[in-house]
């Protein structure tokens, strides 16, 4: 049975989650926190306790300085299995530069029909500004067996706004150009070192 079917309707957290709200749920077993920084050094300096590091380049494929195509279904299956995603996982994504890379992850989840997700409002900067505990220890995921399918082919930003507009009137979504070189096509690599900042 494919785990790519639509997620259950109950969400652990709202679409836009505040740092204090997330802190209250850090021990929830269904929670998967993913740090998608533009600068990997940010994760090393400190991250939300339990957060897994994900290099944003794994969310794209293509050629040129800004490859922007969606990775293949096979690759997404391997990626989300390595991250430990299951049908009932609630993902919280954040980054270090205004939400663009976290939004790319949430958009990809939307494409495969996984709608249990939240964005940490303000990203790691808001977490730090709130004076909440950070960890400097890398978090290793518990792999799963996730079979991805592209289920939602409508324009992604329109879909997320129309489906979940009751949560907020202003979503911090957008995909900025990377600040570092992405000429290497990360989505074609066979090594799964996405969790360790090099």
N, C-alpha and C. Protein backbone atom coordinates (compact mmCIF):
# COMPACT_ATOMS: atom_id res chain seq x y z
N UNK A 1 0.84 -1.19 0.00
CA UNK A 1 0.00 0.00 0.00
C UNK A 1 0.88 1.24 0.00
N UNK A 2 0.59 2.16 -0.89
CA UNK A 2 1.41 3.36 -1.02
C UNK A 2 1.20 4.30 0.15
N UNK A 3 2.31 4.82 0.66
CA UNK A 3 2.21 5.81 1.73
C UNK A 3 2.06 7.21 1.17
N UNK A 4 1.90 7.31 -0.15
CA UNK A 4 1.79 8.63 -0.77
C UNK A 4 0.36 9.13 -0.84
N UNK A 5 -0.60 8.35 -0.34
CA UNK A 5 -1.97 8.82 -0.34
C UNK A 5 -2.09 10.05 0.55
N UNK A 6 -3.16 10.78 0.38
CA UNK A 6 -3.31 12.03 1.12
C UNK A 6 -3.18 11.80 2.63
N UNK A 7 -2.54 12.73 3.28
CA UNK A 7 -2.33 12.65 4.71
C UNK A 7 -3.66 12.77 5.44
N UNK A 8 -3.67 12.33 6.69
CA UNK A 8 -4.88 12.48 7.49
C UNK A 8 -5.17 13.95 7.69
N UNK A 9 -6.43 14.29 7.89
CA UNK A 9 -6.84 15.69 7.92
C UNK A 9 -6.42 16.41 9.20
N UNK A 10 -6.22 15.67 10.28
CA UNK A 10 -5.87 16.32 11.54
C UNK A 10 -4.41 16.75 11.51
N UNK A 11 -4.17 18.01 11.80
CA UNK A 11 -2.81 18.53 11.87
C UNK A 11 -2.44 18.82 13.32
N UNK A 12 -1.24 18.44 13.68
CA UNK A 12 -0.75 18.67 15.03
C UNK A 12 -0.62 20.15 15.33
N UNK A 13 -0.20 20.92 14.32
CA UNK A 13 0.07 22.35 14.49
C UNK A 13 -0.56 23.13 13.34
N UNK A 14 -0.78 24.44 13.52
CA UNK A 14 -1.33 25.25 12.43
C UNK A 14 -0.31 25.43 11.31
N UNK A 15 -0.78 25.92 10.18
CA UNK A 15 0.11 26.14 9.04
C UNK A 15 1.27 27.06 9.40
N UNK A 16 0.98 28.15 10.07
CA UNK A 16 2.03 29.06 10.55
C UNK A 16 2.15 28.86 12.05
N UNK A 17 3.28 28.33 12.49
CA UNK A 17 3.46 28.02 13.90
C UNK A 17 4.48 28.98 14.51
N UNK A 18 4.17 29.49 15.69
CA UNK A 18 5.08 30.38 16.40
C UNK A 18 6.11 29.57 17.18
N UNK A 19 7.27 30.15 17.44
CA UNK A 19 8.32 29.41 18.16
C UNK A 19 7.84 28.79 19.47
N UNK A 20 7.07 29.54 20.24
CA UNK A 20 6.61 29.02 21.53
C UNK A 20 5.66 27.84 21.35
N UNK A 21 4.84 27.88 20.30
CA UNK A 21 3.93 26.76 20.02
C UNK A 21 4.73 25.51 19.67
N UNK A 22 5.73 25.69 18.85
CA UNK A 22 6.56 24.54 18.46
C UNK A 22 7.28 23.97 19.66
N UNK A 23 7.81 24.82 20.51
CA UNK A 23 8.53 24.35 21.69
C UNK A 23 7.66 23.42 22.54
N UNK A 24 6.38 23.73 22.64
CA UNK A 24 5.47 22.92 23.45
C UNK A 24 5.26 21.52 22.87
N UNK A 25 5.58 21.32 21.59
CA UNK A 25 5.33 20.04 20.93
C UNK A 25 6.60 19.31 20.52
N UNK A 26 7.77 19.74 21.00
CA UNK A 26 9.02 19.15 20.55
C UNK A 26 9.12 17.65 20.78
N UNK A 27 8.42 17.16 21.79
CA UNK A 27 8.50 15.73 22.11
C UNK A 27 7.43 14.90 21.41
N UNK A 28 6.59 15.51 20.60
CA UNK A 28 5.53 14.77 19.93
C UNK A 28 6.14 13.76 18.96
N UNK A 29 5.77 12.48 19.06
CA UNK A 29 6.41 11.45 18.23
C UNK A 29 6.16 11.60 16.74
N UNK A 30 5.06 12.25 16.36
CA UNK A 30 4.75 12.39 14.94
C UNK A 30 5.40 13.62 14.30
N UNK A 31 6.16 14.37 15.08
CA UNK A 31 6.76 15.61 14.60
C UNK A 31 8.09 15.35 13.90
N UNK A 32 8.27 15.97 12.73
CA UNK A 32 9.54 15.91 12.00
C UNK A 32 9.92 17.35 11.66
N UNK A 33 10.95 17.87 12.32
CA UNK A 33 11.39 19.25 12.12
C UNK A 33 12.57 19.23 11.15
N UNK A 34 12.46 20.04 10.09
CA UNK A 34 13.49 20.05 9.06
C UNK A 34 14.01 21.47 8.86
N UNK A 35 15.32 21.61 9.03
CA UNK A 35 16.03 22.87 8.83
C UNK A 35 16.57 22.87 7.40
N UNK A 36 16.14 23.84 6.59
CA UNK A 36 16.55 23.92 5.19
C UNK A 36 17.30 25.25 4.98
N UNK A 37 18.47 25.41 5.57
CA UNK A 37 19.14 26.72 5.51
C UNK A 37 19.80 27.00 4.16
N UNK A 38 19.88 28.28 3.81
CA UNK A 38 20.65 28.67 2.63
C UNK A 38 22.13 28.53 2.92
N UNK A 39 22.50 28.71 4.18
CA UNK A 39 23.88 28.60 4.61
C UNK A 39 23.98 27.48 5.64
N UNK A 40 24.64 26.39 5.28
CA UNK A 40 24.74 25.24 6.17
C UNK A 40 25.37 25.56 7.51
N UNK A 41 26.17 26.62 7.56
CA UNK A 41 26.81 27.02 8.81
C UNK A 41 25.76 27.36 9.87
N UNK A 42 24.60 27.83 9.43
CA UNK A 42 23.53 28.17 10.36
C UNK A 42 23.12 26.97 11.20
N UNK A 43 23.04 25.80 10.57
CA UNK A 43 22.67 24.58 11.31
C UNK A 43 23.74 24.22 12.32
N UNK A 44 25.00 24.36 11.95
CA UNK A 44 26.09 24.06 12.87
C UNK A 44 26.10 25.00 14.06
N UNK A 45 25.76 26.25 13.81
CA UNK A 45 25.77 27.24 14.89
C UNK A 45 24.67 27.00 15.90
N UNK A 46 23.58 26.39 15.48
CA UNK A 46 22.48 26.09 16.38
C UNK A 46 21.18 25.95 15.62
N UNK A 47 20.39 24.95 16.03
CA UNK A 47 19.13 24.67 15.37
C UNK A 47 18.08 24.28 16.41
N UNK A 48 16.84 24.23 15.98
CA UNK A 48 15.77 23.78 16.87
C UNK A 48 16.11 22.36 17.32
N UNK A 49 16.02 22.06 18.62
CA UNK A 49 16.34 20.71 19.08
C UNK A 49 15.56 19.65 18.31
N UNK A 50 16.28 18.66 17.82
CA UNK A 50 15.65 17.57 17.08
C UNK A 50 15.52 17.82 15.59
N UNK A 51 15.89 19.02 15.13
CA UNK A 51 15.74 19.34 13.71
C UNK A 51 16.78 18.58 12.87
N UNK A 52 16.35 18.12 11.72
CA UNK A 52 17.20 17.44 10.76
C UNK A 52 17.65 18.45 9.72
N UNK A 53 18.90 18.38 9.33
CA UNK A 53 19.43 19.26 8.28
C UNK A 53 19.09 18.70 6.91
N UNK A 54 18.64 19.57 6.01
CA UNK A 54 18.39 19.19 4.62
C UNK A 54 19.00 20.24 3.71
N UNK A 55 19.91 19.83 2.86
CA UNK A 55 20.48 20.73 1.86
C UNK A 55 19.38 21.06 0.85
N UNK A 56 19.09 22.34 0.66
CA UNK A 56 17.98 22.74 -0.20
C UNK A 56 18.14 22.27 -1.64
N UNK A 57 19.37 21.98 -2.07
CA UNK A 57 19.60 21.54 -3.45
C UNK A 57 18.96 20.20 -3.74
N UNK A 58 18.66 19.43 -2.70
CA UNK A 58 17.99 18.15 -2.92
C UNK A 58 16.53 18.32 -3.33
N UNK A 59 16.01 19.52 -3.22
CA UNK A 59 14.62 19.78 -3.58
C UNK A 59 14.48 20.26 -5.02
N UNK A 60 15.58 20.28 -5.77
CA UNK A 60 15.56 20.79 -7.13
C UNK A 60 16.39 19.88 -8.03
N UNK A 61 16.11 19.97 -9.31
CA UNK A 61 16.98 19.34 -10.31
C UNK A 61 16.97 20.21 -11.55
N UNK A 62 17.94 20.00 -12.41
CA UNK A 62 18.04 20.80 -13.62
C UNK A 62 19.43 21.31 -13.81
N UNK A 63 19.60 22.13 -14.82
CA UNK A 63 20.92 22.66 -15.17
C UNK A 63 20.95 24.15 -14.92
N UNK A 64 22.16 24.70 -14.91
CA UNK A 64 22.32 26.13 -14.76
C UNK A 64 22.49 26.55 -13.32
N UNK A 65 22.65 27.85 -13.10
CA UNK A 65 22.92 28.34 -11.74
C UNK A 65 21.73 28.20 -10.80
N UNK A 66 20.52 28.13 -11.34
CA UNK A 66 19.33 27.97 -10.48
C UNK A 66 18.45 26.84 -11.03
N UNK A 67 18.86 25.60 -10.83
CA UNK A 67 18.00 24.49 -11.28
C UNK A 67 16.71 24.50 -10.49
N UNK A 68 15.58 24.42 -11.16
CA UNK A 68 14.32 24.64 -10.46
C UNK A 68 13.26 23.58 -10.77
N UNK A 69 13.64 22.51 -11.46
CA UNK A 69 12.67 21.46 -11.75
C UNK A 69 12.43 20.60 -10.52
N UNK A 70 11.29 19.93 -10.51
CA UNK A 70 10.96 19.01 -9.42
C UNK A 70 11.75 17.72 -9.62
N UNK A 71 12.39 17.21 -8.58
CA UNK A 71 13.08 15.92 -8.72
C UNK A 71 12.11 14.80 -9.12
N UNK A 72 12.65 13.72 -9.61
CA UNK A 72 11.82 12.60 -10.05
C UNK A 72 11.10 11.96 -8.85
N UNK A 73 10.04 11.24 -9.16
CA UNK A 73 9.29 10.52 -8.13
C UNK A 73 10.21 9.53 -7.41
N UNK A 74 11.08 8.88 -8.17
CA UNK A 74 12.00 7.92 -7.56
C UNK A 74 12.93 8.61 -6.58
N UNK A 75 13.44 9.77 -6.98
CA UNK A 75 14.34 10.50 -6.09
C UNK A 75 13.60 10.99 -4.85
N UNK A 76 12.38 11.53 -5.04
CA UNK A 76 11.61 12.02 -3.90
C UNK A 76 11.29 10.88 -2.93
N UNK A 77 11.03 9.70 -3.47
CA UNK A 77 10.77 8.55 -2.60
C UNK A 77 11.99 8.24 -1.74
N UNK A 78 13.17 8.27 -2.35
CA UNK A 78 14.41 8.02 -1.59
C UNK A 78 14.66 9.13 -0.58
N UNK A 79 14.45 10.37 -1.01
CA UNK A 79 14.69 11.50 -0.13
C UNK A 79 13.80 11.46 1.10
N UNK A 80 12.50 11.32 0.89
CA UNK A 80 11.58 11.37 2.02
C UNK A 80 11.66 10.10 2.87
N UNK A 81 12.08 9.00 2.28
CA UNK A 81 12.35 7.81 3.09
C UNK A 81 13.56 8.05 3.99
N UNK A 82 14.60 8.67 3.42
CA UNK A 82 15.80 8.96 4.21
C UNK A 82 15.50 9.95 5.33
N UNK A 83 14.58 10.88 5.08
CA UNK A 83 14.20 11.85 6.11
C UNK A 83 13.30 11.24 7.18
N UNK A 84 12.69 10.09 6.89
CA UNK A 84 11.82 9.45 7.87
C UNK A 84 10.36 9.85 7.76
N UNK A 85 9.95 10.36 6.60
CA UNK A 85 8.56 10.78 6.43
C UNK A 85 7.63 9.58 6.38
N UNK A 86 6.50 9.69 7.06
CA UNK A 86 5.42 8.70 6.96
C UNK A 86 4.12 9.45 6.69
N UNK A 87 3.08 8.72 6.41
CA UNK A 87 1.78 9.34 6.11
C UNK A 87 1.30 10.23 7.24
N UNK A 88 1.60 9.86 8.48
CA UNK A 88 1.09 10.60 9.62
C UNK A 88 2.11 11.55 10.24
N UNK A 89 3.25 11.73 9.60
CA UNK A 89 4.25 12.67 10.10
C UNK A 89 3.77 14.10 9.89
N UNK A 90 3.95 14.93 10.92
CA UNK A 90 3.70 16.36 10.77
C UNK A 90 5.05 17.05 10.63
N UNK A 91 5.28 17.65 9.47
CA UNK A 91 6.56 18.30 9.18
C UNK A 91 6.49 19.77 9.57
N UNK A 92 7.52 20.24 10.25
CA UNK A 92 7.70 21.66 10.49
C UNK A 92 9.00 22.06 9.79
N UNK A 93 8.89 22.99 8.86
CA UNK A 93 10.05 23.43 8.10
C UNK A 93 10.42 24.86 8.45
N UNK A 94 11.70 25.14 8.42
CA UNK A 94 12.17 26.51 8.61
C UNK A 94 13.52 26.66 7.93
N UNK A 95 13.95 27.90 7.77
CA UNK A 95 15.27 28.15 7.20
C UNK A 95 15.89 29.36 7.88
N UNK A 96 16.91 29.91 7.24
CA UNK A 96 17.65 31.02 7.85
C UNK A 96 17.55 32.30 7.03
N UNK A 97 16.61 32.37 6.07
CA UNK A 97 16.57 33.57 5.24
C UNK A 97 15.17 33.94 4.76
N UNK A 98 14.21 33.95 5.64
CA UNK A 98 12.91 34.50 5.27
C UNK A 98 11.87 33.51 4.78
N UNK A 99 12.18 32.24 4.76
CA UNK A 99 11.18 31.24 4.46
C UNK A 99 11.19 30.65 3.07
N UNK A 100 12.05 31.14 2.18
CA UNK A 100 12.02 30.66 0.80
C UNK A 100 12.33 29.19 0.65
N UNK A 101 13.36 28.71 1.33
CA UNK A 101 13.73 27.29 1.17
C UNK A 101 12.81 26.38 1.97
N UNK A 102 12.35 26.85 3.10
CA UNK A 102 11.34 26.08 3.83
C UNK A 102 10.09 25.95 2.98
N UNK A 103 9.71 27.02 2.29
CA UNK A 103 8.54 26.99 1.42
C UNK A 103 8.72 26.00 0.28
N UNK A 104 9.94 25.90 -0.24
CA UNK A 104 10.20 24.93 -1.30
C UNK A 104 9.94 23.51 -0.81
N UNK A 105 10.32 23.23 0.42
CA UNK A 105 10.05 21.91 0.99
C UNK A 105 8.55 21.70 1.15
N UNK A 106 7.85 22.67 1.70
CA UNK A 106 6.40 22.53 1.90
C UNK A 106 5.67 22.40 0.57
N UNK A 107 6.12 23.13 -0.43
CA UNK A 107 5.55 23.03 -1.77
C UNK A 107 5.72 21.62 -2.32
N UNK A 108 6.91 21.05 -2.11
CA UNK A 108 7.17 19.68 -2.58
C UNK A 108 6.27 18.69 -1.86
N UNK A 109 6.09 18.88 -0.55
CA UNK A 109 5.16 18.02 0.19
C UNK A 109 3.75 18.13 -0.37
N UNK A 110 3.34 19.35 -0.70
CA UNK A 110 2.02 19.57 -1.28
C UNK A 110 1.88 18.83 -2.60
N UNK A 111 2.93 18.83 -3.40
CA UNK A 111 2.90 18.13 -4.68
C UNK A 111 2.63 16.64 -4.51
N UNK A 112 3.19 16.05 -3.46
CA UNK A 112 3.01 14.61 -3.28
C UNK A 112 1.82 14.29 -2.37
N UNK A 113 1.02 15.30 -2.06
CA UNK A 113 -0.21 15.07 -1.31
C UNK A 113 -0.04 14.96 0.19
N UNK A 114 1.12 15.36 0.70
CA UNK A 114 1.34 15.32 2.16
C UNK A 114 1.02 16.70 2.71
N UNK A 115 -0.13 16.83 3.35
CA UNK A 115 -0.61 18.15 3.78
C UNK A 115 -0.45 18.40 5.27
N UNK A 116 0.21 17.52 5.95
CA UNK A 116 0.47 17.75 7.38
C UNK A 116 1.81 18.46 7.51
N UNK A 117 1.76 19.77 7.46
CA UNK A 117 3.01 20.54 7.56
C UNK A 117 2.74 21.91 8.12
N UNK A 118 3.81 22.52 8.63
CA UNK A 118 3.76 23.88 9.17
C UNK A 118 5.05 24.59 8.82
N UNK A 119 4.97 25.91 8.84
CA UNK A 119 6.14 26.76 8.67
C UNK A 119 6.41 27.45 9.99
N UNK A 120 7.65 27.39 10.47
CA UNK A 120 8.04 28.08 11.69
C UNK A 120 8.15 29.56 11.38
N UNK A 121 7.23 30.34 11.89
CA UNK A 121 7.16 31.77 11.58
C UNK A 121 8.45 32.48 12.00
N UNK A 122 9.12 33.07 11.01
CA UNK A 122 10.37 33.77 11.30
C UNK A 122 11.60 32.91 11.25
N UNK A 123 11.42 31.59 11.06
CA UNK A 123 12.55 30.69 10.93
C UNK A 123 13.43 30.65 12.17
N UNK A 124 14.69 30.29 11.95
CA UNK A 124 15.62 30.13 13.07
C UNK A 124 15.87 31.46 13.78
N UNK A 125 15.75 32.57 13.05
CA UNK A 125 15.98 33.87 13.68
C UNK A 125 14.92 34.16 14.74
N UNK A 126 13.67 33.82 14.46
CA UNK A 126 12.61 34.03 15.44
C UNK A 126 12.81 33.11 16.65
N UNK A 127 13.24 31.89 16.40
CA UNK A 127 13.52 30.94 17.49
C UNK A 127 14.59 31.52 18.41
N UNK A 128 15.66 32.03 17.81
CA UNK A 128 16.74 32.61 18.60
C UNK A 128 16.30 33.87 19.32
N UNK A 129 15.55 34.72 18.63
CA UNK A 129 15.08 35.96 19.24
C UNK A 129 14.18 35.70 20.44
N UNK A 130 13.49 34.55 20.43
CA UNK A 130 12.61 34.19 21.54
C UNK A 130 13.40 33.63 22.72
N UNK A 131 14.70 33.45 22.54
CA UNK A 131 15.55 32.93 23.62
C UNK A 131 15.35 31.46 23.91
N UNK A 132 14.87 30.71 22.92
CA UNK A 132 14.60 29.30 23.14
C UNK A 132 15.87 28.46 22.94
N UNK A 133 15.87 27.31 23.57
CA UNK A 133 17.05 26.44 23.54
C UNK A 133 17.38 26.00 22.12
N UNK A 134 18.66 26.00 21.81
CA UNK A 134 19.15 25.49 20.53
C UNK A 134 20.05 24.28 20.78
N UNK A 135 20.19 23.48 19.74
CA UNK A 135 21.11 22.35 19.79
C UNK A 135 22.18 22.55 18.73
N UNK A 136 23.39 22.08 19.02
CA UNK A 136 24.45 22.09 18.02
C UNK A 136 24.82 20.68 17.59
N UNK A 137 24.09 19.69 18.11
CA UNK A 137 24.34 18.30 17.76
C UNK A 137 23.50 17.92 16.55
N UNK A 138 24.12 17.35 15.50
CA UNK A 138 23.34 16.89 14.36
C UNK A 138 22.32 15.84 14.77
N UNK A 139 21.16 15.88 14.19
CA UNK A 139 20.10 14.92 14.47
C UNK A 139 20.01 13.93 13.32
N UNK A 140 20.14 12.65 13.63
CA UNK A 140 20.01 11.61 12.60
C UNK A 140 18.55 11.19 12.51
N UNK A 141 18.00 11.11 11.31
CA UNK A 141 16.60 10.71 11.15
C UNK A 141 16.42 9.21 11.34
N UNK A 142 15.18 8.80 11.50
CA UNK A 142 14.82 7.39 11.52
C UNK A 142 14.21 7.08 10.16
N UNK A 143 14.93 6.38 9.29
CA UNK A 143 14.44 6.17 7.92
C UNK A 143 13.10 5.44 7.89
N UNK A 144 12.34 5.72 6.85
CA UNK A 144 11.05 5.07 6.64
C UNK A 144 11.05 4.48 5.24
N UNK A 145 9.91 4.01 4.80
CA UNK A 145 9.76 3.53 3.43
C UNK A 145 8.62 4.30 2.79
N UNK A 146 8.95 5.44 2.23
CA UNK A 146 7.95 6.34 1.68
C UNK A 146 7.94 6.25 0.16
N UNK A 147 6.75 6.08 -0.40
CA UNK A 147 6.60 5.98 -1.85
C UNK A 147 5.87 7.23 -2.35
N UNK A 148 6.62 8.12 -2.96
CA UNK A 148 6.05 9.39 -3.40
C UNK A 148 5.34 9.25 -4.74
N UNK A 149 4.30 10.05 -4.90
CA UNK A 149 3.61 10.21 -6.18
C UNK A 149 3.27 11.69 -6.31
N UNK A 150 3.34 12.19 -7.53
CA UNK A 150 2.92 13.57 -7.76
C UNK A 150 1.40 13.57 -7.85
N UNK A 151 0.73 14.12 -6.85
CA UNK A 151 -0.73 14.08 -6.77
C UNK A 151 -1.37 15.43 -7.06
N UNK A 152 -0.68 16.50 -6.76
CA UNK A 152 -1.26 17.83 -6.91
C UNK A 152 -0.50 18.59 -7.99
N UNK A 153 -1.12 18.71 -9.17
CA UNK A 153 -0.46 19.36 -10.29
C UNK A 153 -0.93 20.78 -10.53
N UNK A 154 -1.81 21.29 -9.67
CA UNK A 154 -2.25 22.68 -9.81
C UNK A 154 -1.10 23.60 -9.44
N UNK A 155 -1.11 24.86 -9.90
CA UNK A 155 -0.03 25.77 -9.53
C UNK A 155 0.14 25.80 -8.02
N UNK A 156 1.34 25.52 -7.51
CA UNK A 156 1.55 25.26 -6.09
C UNK A 156 1.18 26.40 -5.16
N UNK A 157 1.59 27.62 -5.48
CA UNK A 157 1.30 28.71 -4.56
C UNK A 157 -0.19 28.98 -4.49
N UNK A 158 -0.87 28.90 -5.64
CA UNK A 158 -2.31 29.09 -5.67
C UNK A 158 -3.01 28.01 -4.87
N UNK A 159 -2.54 26.77 -5.01
CA UNK A 159 -3.15 25.67 -4.29
C UNK A 159 -3.03 25.85 -2.79
N UNK A 160 -1.83 26.22 -2.33
CA UNK A 160 -1.64 26.34 -0.89
C UNK A 160 -2.42 27.52 -0.33
N UNK A 161 -2.49 28.60 -1.09
CA UNK A 161 -3.26 29.76 -0.61
C UNK A 161 -4.74 29.44 -0.55
N UNK A 162 -5.28 28.78 -1.59
CA UNK A 162 -6.71 28.54 -1.63
C UNK A 162 -7.13 27.49 -0.62
N UNK A 163 -6.31 26.46 -0.42
CA UNK A 163 -6.67 25.38 0.49
C UNK A 163 -6.55 25.79 1.95
N UNK A 164 -5.60 26.68 2.24
CA UNK A 164 -5.30 26.94 3.64
C UNK A 164 -5.33 28.42 3.98
N UNK A 165 -6.08 29.19 3.22
CA UNK A 165 -6.07 30.63 3.41
C UNK A 165 -6.67 31.05 4.74
N UNK A 166 -7.46 30.18 5.34
CA UNK A 166 -8.04 30.54 6.63
C UNK A 166 -7.00 30.63 7.72
N UNK A 167 -5.84 30.03 7.50
CA UNK A 167 -4.80 30.03 8.53
C UNK A 167 -4.12 31.39 8.63
N UNK A 168 -4.00 32.07 7.50
CA UNK A 168 -3.32 33.36 7.52
C UNK A 168 -3.64 34.12 6.26
N UNK A 169 -3.55 35.42 6.30
CA UNK A 169 -3.77 36.23 5.12
C UNK A 169 -2.48 36.49 4.37
N UNK A 170 -1.35 36.17 4.98
CA UNK A 170 -0.07 36.46 4.34
C UNK A 170 0.88 35.30 4.57
N UNK A 171 1.14 34.53 3.52
CA UNK A 171 2.03 33.39 3.64
C UNK A 171 3.45 33.78 3.26
N UNK A 172 4.44 33.32 4.01
CA UNK A 172 5.83 33.68 3.71
C UNK A 172 6.42 32.76 2.66
N UNK A 173 5.71 32.56 1.55
CA UNK A 173 6.17 31.62 0.55
C UNK A 173 6.83 32.34 -0.61
N UNK A 174 7.81 31.69 -1.18
CA UNK A 174 8.53 32.20 -2.33
C UNK A 174 9.82 31.44 -2.43
N UNK A 175 10.40 31.38 -3.58
CA UNK A 175 11.64 30.63 -3.74
C UNK A 175 12.71 31.54 -4.30
N UNK A 176 13.53 32.14 -3.43
CA UNK A 176 14.57 33.06 -3.91
C UNK A 176 15.72 32.31 -4.56
N UNK A 177 16.48 33.03 -5.34
CA UNK A 177 17.68 32.44 -5.92
C UNK A 177 18.66 32.14 -4.82
N UNK A 178 19.36 31.02 -4.92
CA UNK A 178 20.32 30.67 -3.87
C UNK A 178 21.47 31.67 -3.81
N UNK A 179 22.04 31.81 -2.62
CA UNK A 179 23.16 32.73 -2.42
C UNK A 179 24.50 32.04 -2.62
N UNK A 180 24.47 30.74 -2.89
CA UNK A 180 25.71 30.04 -3.17
C UNK A 180 25.53 29.26 -4.46
N UNK A 181 26.60 28.77 -4.98
CA UNK A 181 26.54 28.08 -6.26
C UNK A 181 25.73 26.81 -6.15
N UNK A 182 24.87 26.57 -7.13
CA UNK A 182 24.11 25.32 -7.18
C UNK A 182 24.35 24.62 -8.51
N UNK A 183 25.52 24.86 -9.10
CA UNK A 183 25.78 24.26 -10.39
C UNK A 183 25.89 22.75 -10.29
N UNK A 184 26.29 22.25 -9.14
CA UNK A 184 26.30 20.81 -8.94
C UNK A 184 24.86 20.37 -8.73
N UNK A 185 24.44 19.36 -9.48
CA UNK A 185 23.05 18.92 -9.40
C UNK A 185 22.91 17.94 -8.25
N UNK A 186 22.53 18.44 -7.08
CA UNK A 186 22.47 17.61 -5.89
C UNK A 186 21.47 16.48 -6.04
N UNK A 187 20.43 16.67 -6.84
CA UNK A 187 19.38 15.67 -6.95
C UNK A 187 19.80 14.45 -7.76
N UNK A 188 21.03 14.42 -8.28
CA UNK A 188 21.46 13.25 -9.02
C UNK A 188 22.49 12.45 -8.23
N UNK A 189 22.83 12.90 -7.05
CA UNK A 189 23.84 12.20 -6.27
C UNK A 189 23.28 10.91 -5.70
N UNK A 190 24.16 9.95 -5.48
CA UNK A 190 23.74 8.68 -4.88
C UNK A 190 24.10 8.60 -3.42
N UNK A 191 24.76 9.62 -2.90
CA UNK A 191 25.13 9.60 -1.49
C UNK A 191 24.08 10.33 -0.68
N UNK A 192 23.78 9.77 0.47
CA UNK A 192 22.73 10.35 1.33
C UNK A 192 23.35 10.98 2.55
N UNK A 193 24.15 12.05 2.29
CA UNK A 193 24.80 12.77 3.37
C UNK A 193 24.05 14.07 3.62
N UNK A 194 22.74 14.10 3.31
CA UNK A 194 21.98 15.34 3.41
C UNK A 194 21.81 15.82 4.84
N UNK A 195 22.13 14.99 5.80
CA UNK A 195 21.86 15.34 7.19
C UNK A 195 23.08 15.89 7.89
N UNK A 196 24.25 15.79 7.26
CA UNK A 196 25.47 16.25 7.89
C UNK A 196 26.03 17.42 7.11
N UNK A 197 26.16 18.54 7.79
CA UNK A 197 26.73 19.71 7.14
C UNK A 197 28.21 19.48 6.91
N UNK A 198 28.68 19.64 5.69
CA UNK A 198 30.08 19.41 5.39
C UNK A 198 30.88 20.68 5.55
